[in-house]
Amino acid sequence: MKIGDLFGRLSGNVNSAGNTRSLGNVGKQEESKSDTVSDSGDKVTISATARRQAAVAGILDADEAATQSRVAELRGKVAAGDYQVSSHDIARAILADLEDK
């Protein structure tokens, strides 16, 4: 995954599965603000930085799950002999890769 992709996802752009997701106010709140939960005299404070880190971890986990799912699907197609690739798609991917370099 490219770093730019990760920051794009944090701002609510499209993820690897093509779905649009929004993280709401994650990363947009002031550093001084935090969530506080107390129960029976105990107190837990979660900073804005911790919320952003949790959001990033969730995005990375979702991306990894989507990748594993896609790999399993492709392996099944290859094993069954049902996987076919368009030469046009291959050529387009090669040209796109060359443009990035």
Protein backbone atom coordinates (compact mmCIF):
# COMPACT_ATOMS: atom_id res chain seq x y z
CA MET A 1 0.00 0.00 0.00
CA LYS A 2 1.26 3.47 -0.81
CA ILE A 3 1.39 6.11 1.92
CA GLY A 4 -0.68 8.48 -0.25
CA ASP A 5 -3.40 5.85 -0.46
CA LEU A 6 -3.54 5.63 3.32
CA PHE A 7 -3.91 9.38 3.77
CA GLY A 8 -6.54 9.46 1.03
CA ARG A 9 -8.47 6.82 2.94
CA LEU A 10 -8.26 8.81 6.14
CA SER A 11 -9.95 11.70 4.42
CA GLY A 12 -12.80 9.41 3.35
CA ASN A 13 -11.79 8.41 -0.17
CA VAL A 14 -12.34 5.07 -1.89
CA ASN A 15 -10.86 1.92 -0.32
CA SER A 16 -9.38 -1.07 -2.16
CA ALA A 17 -12.79 -2.74 -2.52
CA GLY A 18 -14.13 0.37 -4.27
CA ASN A 19 -16.37 1.41 -1.41
CA THR A 20 -16.48 4.95 -0.11
CA ARG A 21 -15.98 5.24 3.61
CA SER A 22 -16.00 8.22 5.89
CA LEU A 23 -14.23 8.46 9.19
CA GLY A 24 -16.19 11.47 10.27
CA ASN A 25 -14.15 13.76 12.46
CA VAL A 26 -11.20 11.44 13.00
CA GLY A 27 -8.04 13.48 12.71
CA LYS A 28 -9.94 16.76 12.49
CA GLN A 29 -10.39 17.36 16.18
CA GLU A 30 -8.03 19.43 18.23
CA GLU A 31 -5.21 17.58 19.97
CA SER A 32 -6.29 18.95 23.34
CA LYS A 33 -9.72 17.31 23.17
CA SER A 34 -10.12 13.72 24.31
CA ASP A 35 -12.78 11.17 25.20
CA THR A 36 -13.05 10.34 28.88
CA VAL A 37 -14.80 7.30 30.31
CA SER A 38 -15.09 6.69 34.01
CA ASP A 39 -16.62 3.83 35.94
CA SER A 40 -16.24 3.02 39.63
CA GLY A 41 -13.69 5.77 40.12
CA ASP A 42 -11.39 4.58 37.31
CA LYS A 43 -10.72 7.02 34.51
CA VAL A 44 -9.62 6.34 30.93
CA THR A 45 -8.72 9.14 28.53
CA ILE A 46 -8.36 8.54 24.78
CA SER A 47 -6.50 11.24 22.89
CA ALA A 48 -7.24 12.39 19.36
CA THR A 49 -3.94 10.81 18.28
CA ALA A 50 -5.01 7.44 19.69
CA ARG A 51 -8.34 7.69 17.85
CA ARG A 52 -6.50 8.40 14.59
CA GLN A 53 -4.15 5.47 15.18
CA ALA A 54 -7.13 3.19 15.82
CA ALA A 55 -8.76 4.41 12.60
CA VAL A 56 -5.57 3.72 10.63
CA ALA A 57 -5.31 0.24 12.15
CA GLY A 58 -8.92 -0.47 11.18
CA ILE A 59 -8.32 0.65 7.60
CA LEU A 60 -5.20 -1.50 7.31
CA ASP A 61 -7.01 -4.53 8.75
CA ALA A 62 -9.90 -4.08 6.31
CA ASP A 63 -7.49 -3.70 3.41
CA GLU A 64 -5.62 -6.85 4.42
CA ALA A 65 -8.88 -8.82 4.71
CA ALA A 66 -10.01 -7.62 1.27
CA THR A 67 -6.65 -8.58 -0.23
CA GLN A 68 -6.72 -12.06 1.32
CA SER A 69 -10.27 -12.59 0.10
CA ARG A 70 -9.36 -11.57 -3.45
CA VAL A 71 -6.25 -13.81 -3.46
CA ALA A 72 -8.33 -16.79 -2.27
CA GLU A 73 -10.89 -16.12 -5.01
CA LEU A 74 -8.20 -15.94 -7.71
CA ARG A 75 -6.48 -19.09 -6.45
CA GLY A 76 -9.77 -20.95 -6.68
CA LYS A 77 -10.32 -19.77 -10.25
CA VAL A 78 -6.78 -20.74 -11.28
CA ALA A 79 -7.13 -24.17 -9.66
CA ALA A 80 -10.46 -24.74 -11.43
CA GLY A 81 -9.06 -23.53 -14.76
CA ASP A 82 -11.63 -20.72 -14.91
CA TYR A 83 -9.21 -17.79 -14.65
CA GLN A 84 -8.85 -15.85 -17.88
CA VAL A 85 -7.00 -12.60 -18.35
CA SER A 86 -7.61 -10.19 -21.18
CA SER A 87 -4.46 -9.31 -23.11
CA HIS A 88 -5.88 -5.79 -23.37
CA ASP A 89 -6.04 -5.55 -19.55
CA ILE A 90 -2.44 -6.79 -19.25
CA ALA A 91 -1.20 -4.24 -21.79
CA ARG A 92 -3.09 -1.45 -20.01
CA ALA A 93 -1.58 -2.43 -16.64
CA ILE A 94 1.95 -2.55 -18.10
CA LEU A 95 1.56 0.90 -19.66
CA ALA A 96 0.12 2.33 -16.43
CA ASP A 97 3.08 0.92 -14.50
CA LEU A 98 5.55 2.45 -16.96
CA GLU A 99 3.85 5.84 -16.65
CA ASP A 100 4.32 5.75 -12.86
CA LYS A 101 8.09 5.31 -13.20
